[in-house]
Amino acid sequence: MTPESQRLQTGKIDTTFPPDKPESRQNLAAKSMSRPPLKAVSFDAAGTLIHLTESVGEAYSRVAAKFGIRAEPGALDAAFRRTWKTTPLPFSRQQGSFDEPTLLDRKTDIGNDHEKNWWFQLVQSVFSTAEIQIPDGQFPAFFEALYDHFESPGCWELDPDAKAVLAAAANRDLGIALLSNFDSRLRRILADLDILDHFEIVILSSEVRASKPDPRIFDALLDLARHPAGSILHIGDDPECDWNGAARAGLQTYQLCRKTRPLSGVIGQILSSCNA
């Protein structure tokens, strides 16, 4: 995480997608009957289970102020949106080739270093786009403070429905996985929010060196979950990374939109799929 509707450093750009057209109960029942019984669920992180407590621009501006840099949050938000749209994800095909995923060989920090460098360049581009000057000698220290900020307690909050949805999956003995375009900071964030222990499988783009919607990150999930793709439900908010990427991999999807199709709505899909 995307991009994941407000997926930023950290989080995600807040975009609203039109709600799906309502379906009849007969159509929903037919769809449920055509799916295999649900065996596992996978969750996107930022923008799905967790959300930033302030906008990207507000966070960037506040950290910049500690270095004597004046930056208007609205200008930074606008610059971030423009930069995000034109910057390939750190482990996307457009970013060049990487070794095949080592499926969770976490003994090296190659992936995290690459992603951190990616964020360094993106933040530089955001400030350049906003026409805010930071002296070259000061930028590395500013960036380190900003990078650490997005891992710090209080930066993120749980979606109000997160724990209820995780409990619904656990109560039906479903495997629970996390599938995120994030780096290793996510583990501390989720631990601080007291939900890390819910996940049997945690797959991060920086560790498998592939970003959603790359099929390799979904292959990593299938290899570890050991269930047919059609028996796994992926829950996320990004149309390309989560919805299309998961669908192309053969997974069921819950197309989350915070304003019109919230996380709580997936409980019904979990119940109907488990009873199929």
C-alpha atoms as a PDB file:
ATOM      1  CA  MET A   1       0.000   0.000   0.000  1.00  0.00           C
ATOM      2  CA  THR A   2      -2.146   1.827  -2.475  1.00  0.00           C
ATOM      3  CA  PRO A   3      -2.843   3.211  -5.459  1.00  0.00           C
ATOM      4  CA  GLU A   4      -4.556   1.968  -2.307  1.00  0.00           C
ATOM      5  CA  SER A   5      -7.101   4.749  -2.016  1.00  0.00           C
ATOM      6  CA  GLN A   6      -5.178   6.748   0.395  1.00  0.00           C
ATOM      7  CA  ARG A   7      -1.995   4.884   0.247  1.00  0.00           C
ATOM      8  CA  LEU A   8       0.849   6.816   1.490  1.00  0.00           C
ATOM      9  CA  GLN A   9       4.004   6.482   3.182  1.00  0.00           C
ATOM     10  CA  THR A  10       2.557   5.651   4.299  1.00  0.00           C
ATOM     11  CA  GLY A  11      -0.927   5.911   3.333  1.00  0.00           C
ATOM     12  CA  LYS A  12      -3.158   6.444   0.507  1.00  0.00           C
ATOM     13  CA  ILE A  13      -4.662   9.079  -1.659  1.00  0.00           C
ATOM     14  CA  ASP A  14      -8.277   9.573  -0.685  1.00  0.00           C
ATOM     15  CA  THR A  15     -10.261   8.836  -3.813  1.00  0.00           C
ATOM     16  CA  THR A  16     -13.909   7.909  -3.888  1.00  0.00           C
ATOM     17  CA  PHE A  17     -15.141   5.373  -6.390  1.00  0.00           C
ATOM     18  CA  PRO A  18     -18.756   5.012  -7.427  1.00  0.00           C
ATOM     19  CA  PRO A  19     -20.597   2.351  -5.479  1.00  0.00           C
ATOM     20  CA  ASP A  20     -21.526  -0.887  -7.163  1.00  0.00           C
ATOM     21  CA  LYS A  21     -25.068  -1.107  -8.458  1.00  0.00           C
ATOM     22  CA  PRO A  22     -27.250  -2.919  -5.960  1.00  0.00           C
ATOM     23  CA  GLU A  23     -27.791  -6.568  -6.760  1.00  0.00           C
ATOM     24  CA  SER A  24     -30.889  -8.612  -6.114  1.00  0.00           C
ATOM     25  CA  ARG A  25     -30.863 -11.230  -3.385  1.00  0.00           C
ATOM     26  CA  GLN A  26     -31.286 -13.880  -6.076  1.00  0.00           C
ATOM     27  CA  ASN A  27     -28.150 -12.702  -7.900  1.00  0.00           C
ATOM     28  CA  LEU A  28     -26.150 -12.594  -4.684  1.00  0.00           C
ATOM     29  CA  ALA A  29     -27.326 -16.081  -3.765  1.00  0.00           C
ATOM     30  CA  ALA A  30     -26.410 -17.400  -7.212  1.00  0.00           C
ATOM     31  CA  LYS A  31     -22.943 -15.888  -6.968  1.00  0.00           C
ATOM     32  CA  SER A  32     -22.460 -17.406  -3.529  1.00  0.00           C
ATOM     33  CA  MET A  33     -23.489 -20.855  -4.771  1.00  0.00           C
ATOM     34  CA  SER A  34     -21.050 -20.644  -7.689  1.00  0.00           C
ATOM     35  CA  ARG A  35     -18.047 -19.998  -5.421  1.00  0.00           C
ATOM     36  CA  PRO A  36     -16.133 -22.683  -3.530  1.00  0.00           C
ATOM     37  CA  PRO A  37     -16.421 -22.529   0.260  1.00  0.00           C
ATOM     38  CA  LEU A  38     -14.206 -19.876   1.756  1.00  0.00           C
ATOM     39  CA  LYS A  39     -10.991 -21.105   3.400  1.00  0.00           C
ATOM     40  CA  ALA A  40      -8.991 -17.917   3.942  1.00  0.00           C
ATOM     41  CA  VAL A  41      -9.159 -14.133   3.748  1.00  0.00           C
ATOM     42  CA  SER A  42      -6.386 -11.708   2.877  1.00  0.00           C
ATOM     43  CA  PHE A  43      -6.376  -8.022   3.749  1.00  0.00           C
ATOM     44  CA  ASP A  44      -4.772  -4.957   2.305  1.00  0.00           C
ATOM     45  CA  ALA A  45      -3.429  -2.728   5.086  1.00  0.00           C
ATOM     46  CA  ALA A  46      -3.340   1.052   4.558  1.00  0.00           C
ATOM     47  CA  GLY A  47      -6.721   2.391   3.494  1.00  0.00           C
ATOM     48  CA  THR A  48      -8.422  -0.883   4.421  1.00  0.00           C
ATOM     49  CA  LEU A  49      -7.589  -1.950   7.981  1.00  0.00           C
ATOM     50  CA  ILE A  50      -5.690   1.172   9.006  1.00  0.00           C
ATOM     51  CA  HIS A  51      -5.860   4.865   8.135  1.00  0.00           C
ATOM     52  CA  LEU A  52      -3.657   7.877   8.689  1.00  0.00           C
ATOM     53  CA  THR A  53      -4.787  10.196  11.479  1.00  0.00           C
ATOM     54  CA  GLU A  54      -3.934  13.275   9.399  1.00  0.00           C
ATOM     55  CA  SER A  55      -3.370  13.998   5.719  1.00  0.00           C
ATOM     56  CA  VAL A  56      -0.007  13.457   4.065  1.00  0.00           C
ATOM     57  CA  GLY A  57       0.396  17.182   3.560  1.00  0.00           C
ATOM     58  CA  GLU A  58      -0.267  17.883   7.234  1.00  0.00           C
ATOM     59  CA  ALA A  59       2.307  15.299   8.296  1.00  0.00           C
ATOM     60  CA  TYR A  60       4.937  16.530   5.838  1.00  0.00           C
ATOM     61  CA  SER A  61       4.330  20.142   6.887  1.00  0.00           C
ATOM     62  CA  ARG A  62       4.547  19.375  10.592  1.00  0.00           C
ATOM     63  CA  VAL A  63       7.810  17.442  10.313  1.00  0.00           C
ATOM     64  CA  ALA A  64       9.263  20.102   7.982  1.00  0.00           C
ATOM     65  CA  ALA A  65       8.488  22.793  10.565  1.00  0.00           C
ATOM     66  CA  LYS A  66      10.841  21.068  12.997  1.00  0.00           C
ATOM     67  CA  PHE A  67      13.619  21.847  10.525  1.00  0.00           C
ATOM     68  CA  GLY A  68      12.584  25.456  10.086  1.00  0.00           C
ATOM     69  CA  ILE A  69      10.910  24.772   6.743  1.00  0.00           C
ATOM     70  CA  ARG A  70       7.552  26.437   6.111  1.00  0.00           C
ATOM     71  CA  ALA A  71       5.278  24.365   3.908  1.00  0.00           C
ATOM     72  CA  GLU A  72       1.523  24.732   3.391  1.00  0.00           C
ATOM     73  CA  PRO A  73      -0.267  21.368   3.925  1.00  0.00           C
ATOM     74  CA  GLY A  74      -2.733  21.892   1.075  1.00  0.00           C
ATOM     75  CA  ALA A  75       0.076  22.541  -1.405  1.00  0.00           C
ATOM     76  CA  LEU A  76       1.881  19.412  -0.242  1.00  0.00           C
ATOM     77  CA  ASP A  77      -1.282  17.309  -0.495  1.00  0.00           C
ATOM     78  CA  ALA A  78      -1.810  18.475  -4.082  1.00  0.00           C
ATOM     79  CA  ALA A  79       1.846  17.859  -4.965  1.00  0.00           C
ATOM     80  CA  PHE A  80       1.708  14.408  -3.397  1.00  0.00           C
ATOM     81  CA  ARG A  81      -1.332  13.443  -5.455  1.00  0.00           C
ATOM     82  CA  ARG A  82       0.302  14.601  -8.689  1.00  0.00           C
ATOM     83  CA  THR A  83       3.577  12.860  -7.891  1.00  0.00           C
ATOM     84  CA  TRP A  84       1.919   9.625  -6.800  1.00  0.00           C
ATOM     85  CA  LYS A  85      -0.023   9.296 -10.041  1.00  0.00           C
ATOM     86  CA  THR A  86       3.127   9.429 -12.154  1.00  0.00           C
ATOM     87  CA  THR A  87       5.491   7.366  -9.978  1.00  0.00           C
ATOM     88  CA  PRO A  88       5.617   3.576 -10.476  1.00  0.00           C
ATOM     89  CA  LEU A  89       5.395   1.544  -7.285  1.00  0.00           C
ATOM     90  CA  PRO A  90       8.773   0.489  -5.862  1.00  0.00           C
ATOM     91  CA  PHE A  91       8.539  -3.148  -6.929  1.00  0.00           C
ATOM     92  CA  SER A  92       6.407  -2.739 -10.032  1.00  0.00           C
ATOM     93  CA  ARG A  93       7.422  -3.921 -13.497  1.00  0.00           C
ATOM     94  CA  GLN A  94       7.978  -0.280 -14.486  1.00  0.00           C
ATOM     95  CA  GLN A  95      10.625   0.059 -11.787  1.00  0.00           C
ATOM     96  CA  GLY A  96      12.801  -2.538 -13.473  1.00  0.00           C
ATOM     97  CA  SER A  97      13.563  -6.161 -12.821  1.00  0.00           C
ATOM     98  CA  PHE A  98      14.171  -7.726  -9.438  1.00  0.00           C
ATOM     99  CA  ASP A  99      15.038 -11.210  -8.356  1.00  0.00           C
ATOM    100  CA  GLU A 100      12.121 -13.585  -8.094  1.00  0.00           C
ATOM    101  CA  PRO A 101      10.461 -13.447  -4.666  1.00  0.00           C
ATOM    102  CA  THR A 102      12.365 -15.472  -2.108  1.00  0.00           C
ATOM    103  CA  LEU A 103       9.104 -16.058  -0.280  1.00  0.00           C
ATOM    104  CA  LEU A 104       9.819 -14.523   2.869  1.00  0.00           C
ATOM    105  CA  ASP A 105      13.550 -14.716   3.215  1.00  0.00           C
ATOM    106  CA  ARG A 106      13.802 -11.813   5.631  1.00  0.00           C
ATOM    107  CA  LYS A 107      17.519 -12.163   6.332  1.00  0.00           C
ATOM    108  CA  THR A 108      18.411  -9.218   4.097  1.00  0.00           C
ATOM    109  CA  ASP A 109      17.165  -5.657   3.967  1.00  0.00           C
ATOM    110  CA  ILE A 110      17.612  -5.292   0.212  1.00  0.00           C
ATOM    111  CA  GLY A 111      13.895  -4.831  -0.366  1.00  0.00           C
ATOM    112  CA  ASN A 112      13.430  -2.376   2.476  1.00  0.00           C
ATOM    113  CA  ASP A 113      16.469  -0.363   1.383  1.00  0.00           C
ATOM    114  CA  HIS A 114      15.104  -0.149  -2.141  1.00  0.00           C
ATOM    115  CA  GLU A 115      11.715   0.979  -0.912  1.00  0.00           C
ATOM    116  CA  LYS A 116      13.243   3.541   1.436  1.00  0.00           C
ATOM    117  CA  ASN A 117      15.274   4.978  -1.474  1.00  0.00           C
ATOM    118  CA  TRP A 118      12.065   5.075  -3.497  1.00  0.00           C
ATOM    119  CA  TRP A 119      10.365   7.115  -0.781  1.00  0.00           C
ATOM    120  CA  PHE A 120      13.406   9.421  -0.557  1.00  0.00           C
ATOM    121  CA  GLN A 121      13.075  10.259  -4.247  1.00  0.00           C
ATOM    122  CA  LEU A 122       9.297  10.585  -4.067  1.00  0.00           C
ATOM    123  CA  VAL A 123       9.431  13.026  -1.126  1.00  0.00           C
ATOM    124  CA  GLN A 124      12.067  15.075  -2.964  1.00  0.00           C
ATOM    125  CA  SER A 125       9.752  15.190  -5.975  1.00  0.00           C
ATOM    126  CA  VAL A 126       6.769  16.228  -3.833  1.00  0.00           C
ATOM    127  CA  PHE A 127       8.620  19.220  -2.400  1.00  0.00           C
ATOM    128  CA  SER A 128       9.991  20.136  -5.817  1.00  0.00           C
ATOM    129  CA  THR A 129       6.502  19.971  -7.331  1.00  0.00           C
ATOM    130  CA  ALA A 130       5.190  22.170  -4.509  1.00  0.00           C
ATOM    131  CA  GLU A 131       8.106  24.563  -5.186  1.00  0.00           C
ATOM    132  CA  ILE A 132       9.301  24.322  -1.594  1.00  0.00           C
ATOM    133  CA  GLN A 133      13.054  24.473  -1.215  1.00  0.00           C
ATOM    134  CA  ILE A 134      14.913  22.312   1.299  1.00  0.00           C
ATOM    135  CA  PRO A 135      18.699  22.786   1.376  1.00  0.00           C
ATOM    136  CA  ASP A 136      20.427  19.664   0.016  1.00  0.00           C
ATOM    137  CA  GLY A 137      22.473  19.257   3.166  1.00  0.00           C
ATOM    138  CA  GLN A 138      19.341  19.304   5.310  1.00  0.00           C
ATOM    139  CA  PHE A 139      17.150  16.994   3.267  1.00  0.00           C
ATOM    140  CA  PRO A 140      18.585  13.613   4.428  1.00  0.00           C
ATOM    141  CA  ALA A 141      17.972  14.435   8.102  1.00  0.00           C
ATOM    142  CA  PHE A 142      14.496  15.746   7.311  1.00  0.00           C
ATOM    143  CA  PHE A 143      13.667  12.614   5.335  1.00  0.00           C
ATOM    144  CA  GLU A 144      14.832  10.298   8.152  1.00  0.00           C
ATOM    145  CA  ALA A 145      12.570  12.150  10.589  1.00  0.00           C
ATOM    146  CA  LEU A 146       9.670  11.941   8.144  1.00  0.00           C
ATOM    147  CA  TYR A 147      10.235   8.242   7.464  1.00  0.00           C
ATOM    148  CA  ASP A 148      10.304   7.487  11.187  1.00  0.00           C
ATOM    149  CA  HIS A 149       7.171   9.591  11.727  1.00  0.00           C
ATOM    150  CA  PHE A 150       5.064   7.239   9.614  1.00  0.00           C
ATOM    151  CA  GLU A 151       5.992   4.349  11.901  1.00  0.00           C
ATOM    152  CA  SER A 152       5.396   6.193  15.146  1.00  0.00           C
ATOM    153  CA  PRO A 153       2.456   5.536  17.495  1.00  0.00           C
ATOM    154  CA  GLY A 154      -0.468   7.847  16.831  1.00  0.00           C
ATOM    155  CA  CYS A 155       0.248   8.213  13.119  1.00  0.00           C
ATOM    156  CA  TRP A 156      -2.215   5.446  12.205  1.00  0.00           C
ATOM    157  CA  GLU A 157      -5.578   4.363  13.546  1.00  0.00           C
ATOM    158  CA  LEU A 158      -7.654   1.236  13.085  1.00  0.00           C
ATOM    159  CA  ASP A 159     -10.685   1.240  10.863  1.00  0.00           C
ATOM    160  CA  PRO A 160     -13.689   1.178  13.237  1.00  0.00           C
ATOM    161  CA  ASP A 161     -14.747  -2.210  11.835  1.00  0.00           C
ATOM    162  CA  ALA A 162     -11.297  -3.833  11.660  1.00  0.00           C
ATOM    163  CA  LYS A 163     -11.457  -5.905  14.835  1.00  0.00           C
ATOM    164  CA  ALA A 164     -15.029  -7.083  14.184  1.00  0.00           C
ATOM    165  CA  VAL A 165     -14.119  -8.280  10.685  1.00  0.00           C
ATOM    166  CA  LEU A 166     -10.965 -10.037  11.902  1.00  0.00           C
ATOM    167  CA  ALA A 167     -13.002 -11.697  14.656  1.00  0.00           C
ATOM    168  CA  ALA A 168     -15.648 -12.839  12.159  1.00  0.00           C
ATOM    169  CA  ALA A 169     -12.952 -14.527  10.063  1.00  0.00           C
ATOM    170  CA  ALA A 170     -11.287 -16.121  13.097  1.00  0.00           C
ATOM    171  CA  ASN A 171     -14.614 -17.394  14.476  1.00  0.00           C
ATOM    172  CA  ARG A 172     -15.107 -19.354  11.254  1.00  0.00           C
ATOM    173  CA  ASP A 173     -11.621 -20.843  11.387  1.00  0.00           C
ATOM    174  CA  LEU A 174     -10.530 -19.044   8.247  1.00  0.00           C
ATOM    175  CA  GLY A 175      -6.881 -18.482   7.505  1.00  0.00           C
ATOM    176  CA  ILE A 176      -6.070 -14.772   7.858  1.00  0.00           C
ATOM    177  CA  ALA A 177      -3.359 -13.144   5.760  1.00  0.00           C
ATOM    178  CA  LEU A 178      -2.029  -9.652   5.208  1.00  0.00           C
ATOM    179  CA  LEU A 179      -1.014  -8.689   1.664  1.00  0.00           C
ATOM    180  CA  SER A 180       0.381  -5.171   1.489  1.00  0.00           C
ATOM    181  CA  ASN A 181       2.488  -2.855  -0.641  1.00  0.00           C
ATOM    182  CA  PHE A 182       4.307  -1.711   2.474  1.00  0.00           C
ATOM    183  CA  ASP A 183       7.690  -2.261   4.090  1.00  0.00           C
ATOM    184  CA  SER A 184       8.759  -3.781   7.401  1.00  0.00           C
ATOM    185  CA  ARG A 185       7.506  -0.741   9.350  1.00  0.00           C
ATOM    186  CA  LEU A 186       4.031  -2.200   8.979  1.00  0.00           C
ATOM    187  CA  ARG A 187       4.689  -4.898  11.566  1.00  0.00           C
ATOM    188  CA  ARG A 188       5.409  -2.357  14.283  1.00  0.00           C
ATOM    189  CA  ILE A 189       2.397  -0.265  13.230  1.00  0.00           C
ATOM    190  CA  LEU A 190       0.062  -3.266  13.467  1.00  0.00           C
ATOM    191  CA  ALA A 191       1.634  -4.385  16.756  1.00  0.00           C
ATOM    192  CA  ASP A 192       1.061  -0.918  18.219  1.00  0.00           C
ATOM    193  CA  LEU A 193      -2.569  -1.159  17.090  1.00  0.00           C
ATOM    194  CA  ASP A 194      -2.849  -4.648  18.637  1.00  0.00           C
ATOM    195  CA  ILE A 195      -3.825  -6.581  15.512  1.00  0.00           C
ATOM    196  CA  LEU A 196      -0.539  -8.105  14.279  1.00  0.00           C
ATOM    197  CA  ASP A 197      -1.190 -11.402  16.067  1.00  0.00           C
ATOM    198  CA  HIS A 198      -4.381 -11.930  14.057  1.00  0.00           C
ATOM    199  CA  PHE A 199      -2.380 -12.755  10.914  1.00  0.00           C
ATOM    200  CA  GLU A 200      -1.036 -16.213  10.210  1.00  0.00           C
ATOM    201  CA  ILE A 201       0.621 -14.941   7.031  1.00  0.00           C
ATOM    202  CA  VAL A 202       2.169 -11.517   6.432  1.00  0.00           C
ATOM    203  CA  ILE A 203       3.343 -10.743   2.905  1.00  0.00           C
ATOM    204  CA  LEU A 204       4.940  -7.359   2.222  1.00  0.00           C
ATOM    205  CA  SER A 205       5.986  -6.101  -1.188  1.00  0.00           C
ATOM    206  CA  SER A 206       9.441  -5.162   0.090  1.00  0.00           C
ATOM    207  CA  GLU A 207      10.055  -8.751   1.214  1.00  0.00           C
ATOM    208  CA  VAL A 208       8.803 -10.619  -1.841  1.00  0.00           C
ATOM    209  CA  ARG A 209      10.091  -7.833  -4.141  1.00  0.00           C
ATOM    210  CA  ALA A 210       6.831  -7.497  -6.009  1.00  0.00           C
ATOM    211  CA  SER A 211       4.083  -4.892  -5.601  1.00  0.00           C
ATOM    212  CA  LYS A 212       0.400  -5.538  -6.112  1.00  0.00           C
ATOM    213  CA  PRO A 213      -1.028  -6.023  -8.707  1.00  0.00           C
ATOM    214  CA  ASP A 214       2.029  -8.035  -9.837  1.00  0.00           C
ATOM    215  CA  PRO A 215       0.900 -11.687  -9.964  1.00  0.00           C
ATOM    216  CA  ARG A 216       4.048 -12.753  -8.086  1.00  0.00           C
ATOM    217  CA  ILE A 217       2.818 -11.290  -4.801  1.00  0.00           C
ATOM    218  CA  PHE A 218      -0.475 -13.181  -5.162  1.00  0.00           C
ATOM    219  CA  ASP A 219       1.485 -16.336  -6.050  1.00  0.00           C
ATOM    220  CA  ALA A 220       3.363 -15.870  -2.768  1.00  0.00           C
ATOM    221  CA  LEU A 221       0.032 -15.813  -0.939  1.00  0.00           C
ATOM    222  CA  LEU A 222      -1.199 -18.957  -2.671  1.00  0.00           C
ATOM    223  CA  ASP A 223       2.057 -20.806  -1.958  1.00  0.00           C
ATOM    224  CA  LEU A 224       1.776 -20.060   1.756  1.00  0.00           C
ATOM    225  CA  ALA A 225      -1.982 -20.368   2.204  1.00  0.00           C
ATOM    226  CA  ARG A 226      -2.125 -23.730   0.403  1.00  0.00           C
ATOM    227  CA  HIS A 227      -5.732 -23.223  -0.661  1.00  0.00           C
ATOM    228  CA  PRO A 228      -7.181 -22.901  -4.164  1.00  0.00           C
ATOM    229  CA  ALA A 229      -7.291 -19.286  -5.301  1.00  0.00           C
ATOM    230  CA  GLY A 230     -11.088 -19.349  -5.569  1.00  0.00           C
ATOM    231  CA  SER A 231     -11.429 -20.185  -1.878  1.00  0.00           C
ATOM    232  CA  ILE A 232      -9.543 -17.043  -0.763  1.00  0.00           C
ATOM    233  CA  LEU A 233     -11.254 -13.665  -0.389  1.00  0.00           C
ATOM    234  CA  HIS A 234      -9.053 -10.584  -0.808  1.00  0.00           C
ATOM    235  CA  ILE A 235     -10.280  -7.372   0.832  1.00  0.00           C
ATOM    236  CA  GLY A 236      -8.863  -4.048  -0.301  1.00  0.00           C
ATOM    237  CA  ASP A 237      -9.637  -0.548  -1.496  1.00  0.00           C
ATOM    238  CA  ASP A 238      -7.487  -0.078  -4.590  1.00  0.00           C
ATOM    239  CA  PRO A 239      -9.211  -0.801  -7.935  1.00  0.00           C
ATOM    240  CA  GLU A 240      -6.064  -1.979  -9.718  1.00  0.00           C
ATOM    241  CA  CYS A 241      -3.810  -3.283  -6.950  1.00  0.00           C
ATOM    242  CA  ASP A 242      -6.499  -5.063  -4.929  1.00  0.00           C
ATOM    243  CA  TRP A 243      -9.577  -5.614  -7.057  1.00  0.00           C
ATOM    244  CA  ASN A 244      -8.123  -6.326 -10.485  1.00  0.00           C
ATOM    245  CA  GLY A 245      -4.884  -7.850  -9.233  1.00  0.00           C
ATOM    246  CA  ALA A 246      -6.675 -10.324  -6.973  1.00  0.00           C
ATOM    247  CA  ALA A 247      -9.326 -11.137  -9.577  1.00  0.00           C
ATOM    248  CA  ARG A 248      -6.671 -11.895 -12.211  1.00  0.00           C
ATOM    249  CA  ALA A 249      -5.050 -14.250  -9.710  1.00  0.00           C
ATOM    250  CA  GLY A 250      -8.387 -16.070  -9.329  1.00  0.00           C
ATOM    251  CA  LEU A 251      -9.255 -14.821  -5.821  1.00  0.00           C
ATOM    252  CA  GLN A 252     -12.655 -13.653  -4.676  1.00  0.00           C
ATOM    253  CA  THR A 253     -12.674  -9.921  -3.963  1.00  0.00           C
ATOM    254  CA  TYR A 254     -14.408  -7.468  -1.684  1.00  0.00           C
ATOM    255  CA  GLN A 255     -14.218  -4.077  -3.380  1.00  0.00           C
ATOM    256  CA  LEU A 256     -13.963  -1.768  -0.405  1.00  0.00           C
ATOM    257  CA  CYS A 257     -14.825   1.919  -0.678  1.00  0.00           C
ATOM    258  CA  ARG A 258     -14.776   3.584   2.714  1.00  0.00           C
ATOM    259  CA  LYS A 259     -17.687   5.947   2.031  1.00  0.00           C
ATOM    260  CA  THR A 260     -20.017   3.634   0.121  1.00  0.00           C
ATOM    261  CA  ARG A 261     -18.925   0.041   0.761  1.00  0.00           C
ATOM    262  CA  PRO A 262     -17.212  -0.037   4.172  1.00  0.00           C
ATOM    263  CA  LEU A 263     -15.206  -2.798   5.761  1.00  0.00           C
ATOM    264  CA  SER A 264     -18.154  -3.955   7.866  1.00  0.00           C
ATOM    265  CA  GLY A 265     -19.936  -5.098   4.705  1.00  0.00           C
ATOM    266  CA  VAL A 266     -17.496  -7.943   4.184  1.00  0.00           C
ATOM    267  CA  ILE A 267     -18.881  -9.808   7.201  1.00  0.00           C
ATOM    268  CA  GLY A 268     -21.958 -10.761   5.176  1.00  0.00           C
ATOM    269  CA  GLN A 269     -19.780 -12.048   2.333  1.00  0.00           C
ATOM    270  CA  ILE A 270     -17.706 -14.088   4.773  1.00  0.00           C
ATOM    271  CA  LEU A 271     -20.860 -15.636   6.279  1.00  0.00           C
ATOM    272  CA  SER A 272     -22.459 -16.439   2.923  1.00  0.00           C
ATOM    273  CA  SER A 273     -19.222 -17.859   1.484  1.00  0.00           C
ATOM    274  CA  CYS A 274     -18.552 -20.033   4.505  1.00  0.00           C
ATOM    275  CA  ASN A 275     -22.063 -21.444   4.307  1.00  0.00           C
ATOM    276  CA  ALA A 276     -21.892 -22.072   0.552  1.00  0.00           C
END
